[in-house]
Amino acid sequence: MRDQGRVTDYLDDYSPYLDQKWTDLVDGDLDSSLTNECVHLFVCEDCGLNDISS
């Protein structure tokens, strides 16, 4: 699995430049804004499977 970065970086063209404390509010993980963790997108290089993990 290859780490593709934060899930919120794919929301729009400006998302990668936004502060993490704001993008954590919309990343799908209710606790990420409290624990200072970000949710990343992982993609399998063999089959293309997408997985999201914090």
N, C-alpha and C. Protein backbone atom coordinates (compact mmCIF):
# COMPACT_ATOMS: atom_id res chain seq x y z
N MET A 1 0.85 -1.18 0.00
CA MET A 1 0.00 0.00 0.00
C MET A 1 0.90 1.24 0.00
N ARG A 2 0.58 2.16 -0.85
CA ARG A 2 1.34 3.39 -0.95
C ARG A 2 0.53 4.53 -0.34
N ASP A 3 1.17 5.30 0.53
CA ASP A 3 0.53 6.44 1.18
C ASP A 3 0.42 7.59 0.17
N GLN A 4 -0.80 8.04 -0.08
CA GLN A 4 -1.06 9.11 -1.03
C GLN A 4 -1.24 10.47 -0.35
N GLY A 5 -1.11 10.52 0.97
CA GLY A 5 -1.27 11.78 1.69
C GLY A 5 -2.62 11.90 2.36
N ARG A 6 -2.87 13.08 2.88
CA ARG A 6 -4.11 13.32 3.61
C ARG A 6 -5.33 13.26 2.69
N VAL A 7 -6.39 12.66 3.17
CA VAL A 7 -7.64 12.55 2.41
C VAL A 7 -8.17 13.93 2.06
N THR A 8 -8.06 14.86 2.98
CA THR A 8 -8.61 16.20 2.75
C THR A 8 -7.85 16.96 1.67
N ASP A 9 -6.65 16.53 1.30
CA ASP A 9 -5.91 17.20 0.23
C ASP A 9 -6.59 17.01 -1.12
N TYR A 10 -7.51 16.06 -1.22
CA TYR A 10 -8.19 15.76 -2.47
C TYR A 10 -9.56 16.41 -2.58
N LEU A 11 -9.95 17.22 -1.60
CA LEU A 11 -11.28 17.85 -1.64
C LEU A 11 -11.39 18.88 -2.76
N ASP A 12 -10.40 19.73 -2.92
CA ASP A 12 -10.39 20.71 -4.00
C ASP A 12 -8.96 21.20 -4.21
N ASP A 13 -8.77 22.15 -5.11
CA ASP A 13 -7.43 22.61 -5.46
C ASP A 13 -6.68 23.29 -4.32
N TYR A 14 -7.40 23.89 -3.37
CA TYR A 14 -6.76 24.63 -2.31
C TYR A 14 -6.65 23.86 -1.00
N SER A 15 -7.25 22.70 -0.92
CA SER A 15 -7.24 21.92 0.32
C SER A 15 -5.85 21.62 0.88
N PRO A 16 -4.86 21.29 0.04
CA PRO A 16 -3.53 21.00 0.60
C PRO A 16 -2.90 22.19 1.32
N TYR A 17 -3.38 23.38 1.05
CA TYR A 17 -2.79 24.58 1.64
C TYR A 17 -3.53 25.07 2.89
N LEU A 18 -4.64 24.42 3.23
CA LEU A 18 -5.41 24.82 4.41
C LEU A 18 -4.78 24.26 5.67
N ASP A 19 -4.99 24.93 6.78
CA ASP A 19 -4.47 24.49 8.07
C ASP A 19 -5.13 23.17 8.47
N GLN A 20 -4.34 22.27 9.00
CA GLN A 20 -4.83 20.94 9.37
C GLN A 20 -5.93 21.00 10.42
N LYS A 21 -5.90 22.00 11.30
CA LYS A 21 -6.94 22.06 12.34
C LYS A 21 -8.32 22.29 11.75
N TRP A 22 -8.41 22.87 10.54
CA TRP A 22 -9.70 23.08 9.90
C TRP A 22 -10.09 21.88 9.04
N THR A 23 -9.14 21.31 8.34
CA THR A 23 -9.47 20.19 7.47
C THR A 23 -9.78 18.93 8.28
N ASP A 24 -9.26 18.82 9.50
CA ASP A 24 -9.59 17.68 10.36
C ASP A 24 -11.08 17.63 10.71
N LEU A 25 -11.75 18.76 10.61
CA LEU A 25 -13.18 18.81 10.93
C LEU A 25 -14.04 18.13 9.87
N VAL A 26 -13.49 17.91 8.67
CA VAL A 26 -14.28 17.33 7.57
C VAL A 26 -13.65 16.07 6.99
N ASP A 27 -12.72 15.44 7.70
CA ASP A 27 -12.02 14.28 7.13
C ASP A 27 -12.72 12.95 7.35
N GLY A 28 -13.84 12.96 8.06
CA GLY A 28 -14.60 11.73 8.28
C GLY A 28 -14.29 11.02 9.58
N ASP A 29 -13.27 11.47 10.30
CA ASP A 29 -12.91 10.88 11.59
C ASP A 29 -13.28 11.89 12.68
N LEU A 30 -14.23 11.53 13.51
CA LEU A 30 -14.72 12.46 14.53
C LEU A 30 -13.65 12.84 15.54
N ASP A 31 -12.68 11.98 15.79
CA ASP A 31 -11.67 12.24 16.82
C ASP A 31 -10.39 12.88 16.29
N SER A 32 -10.22 12.99 14.99
CA SER A 32 -8.95 13.47 14.45
C SER A 32 -8.63 14.90 14.87
N SER A 33 -9.63 15.73 15.03
CA SER A 33 -9.36 17.11 15.45
C SER A 33 -8.99 17.18 16.93
N LEU A 34 -9.38 16.18 17.70
CA LEU A 34 -9.03 16.15 19.13
C LEU A 34 -7.67 15.51 19.38
N THR A 35 -7.29 14.55 18.54
CA THR A 35 -6.06 13.79 18.76
C THR A 35 -4.89 14.25 17.91
N ASN A 36 -5.09 15.28 17.08
CA ASN A 36 -4.05 15.78 16.18
C ASN A 36 -3.55 14.72 15.21
N GLU A 37 -4.42 13.83 14.77
CA GLU A 37 -4.09 12.84 13.76
C GLU A 37 -4.81 13.19 12.47
N CYS A 38 -4.17 12.92 11.35
CA CYS A 38 -4.84 13.15 10.08
C CYS A 38 -5.11 11.81 9.40
N VAL A 39 -6.14 11.79 8.59
CA VAL A 39 -6.56 10.59 7.90
C VAL A 39 -5.89 10.56 6.52
N HIS A 40 -5.24 9.45 6.21
CA HIS A 40 -4.51 9.33 4.95
C HIS A 40 -5.18 8.34 4.01
N LEU A 41 -4.95 8.54 2.73
CA LEU A 41 -5.41 7.64 1.68
C LEU A 41 -4.27 6.71 1.30
N PHE A 42 -4.54 5.42 1.29
CA PHE A 42 -3.56 4.42 0.87
C PHE A 42 -4.10 3.70 -0.36
N VAL A 43 -3.24 3.46 -1.34
CA VAL A 43 -3.64 2.79 -2.58
C VAL A 43 -2.70 1.61 -2.82
N CYS A 44 -3.27 0.46 -3.11
CA CYS A 44 -2.49 -0.74 -3.44
C CYS A 44 -1.94 -0.58 -4.85
N GLU A 45 -0.63 -0.76 -5.00
CA GLU A 45 0.00 -0.61 -6.30
C GLU A 45 -0.33 -1.77 -7.24
N ASP A 46 -0.71 -2.91 -6.69
CA ASP A 46 -1.00 -4.08 -7.53
C ASP A 46 -2.43 -4.08 -8.05
N CYS A 47 -3.41 -3.84 -7.18
CA CYS A 47 -4.80 -3.97 -7.61
C CYS A 47 -5.57 -2.64 -7.64
N GLY A 48 -4.99 -1.56 -7.09
CA GLY A 48 -5.66 -0.28 -7.10
C GLY A 48 -6.65 -0.07 -5.98
N LEU A 49 -6.70 -0.99 -5.02
CA LEU A 49 -7.61 -0.86 -3.88
C LEU A 49 -7.30 0.40 -3.09
N ASN A 50 -8.32 1.15 -2.72
CA ASN A 50 -8.18 2.36 -1.90
C ASN A 50 -8.56 2.04 -0.47
N ASP A 51 -7.79 2.55 0.49
CA ASP A 51 -8.10 2.37 1.90
C ASP A 51 -7.80 3.67 2.61
N ILE A 52 -8.60 4.00 3.59
CA ILE A 52 -8.42 5.23 4.37
C ILE A 52 -8.10 4.83 5.80
N SER A 53 -7.05 5.44 6.36
CA SER A 53 -6.62 5.10 7.71
C SER A 53 -6.03 6.32 8.40
N SER A 54 -6.19 6.35 9.71
CA SER A 54 -5.58 7.45 10.48
C SER A 54 -4.44 6.92 11.30
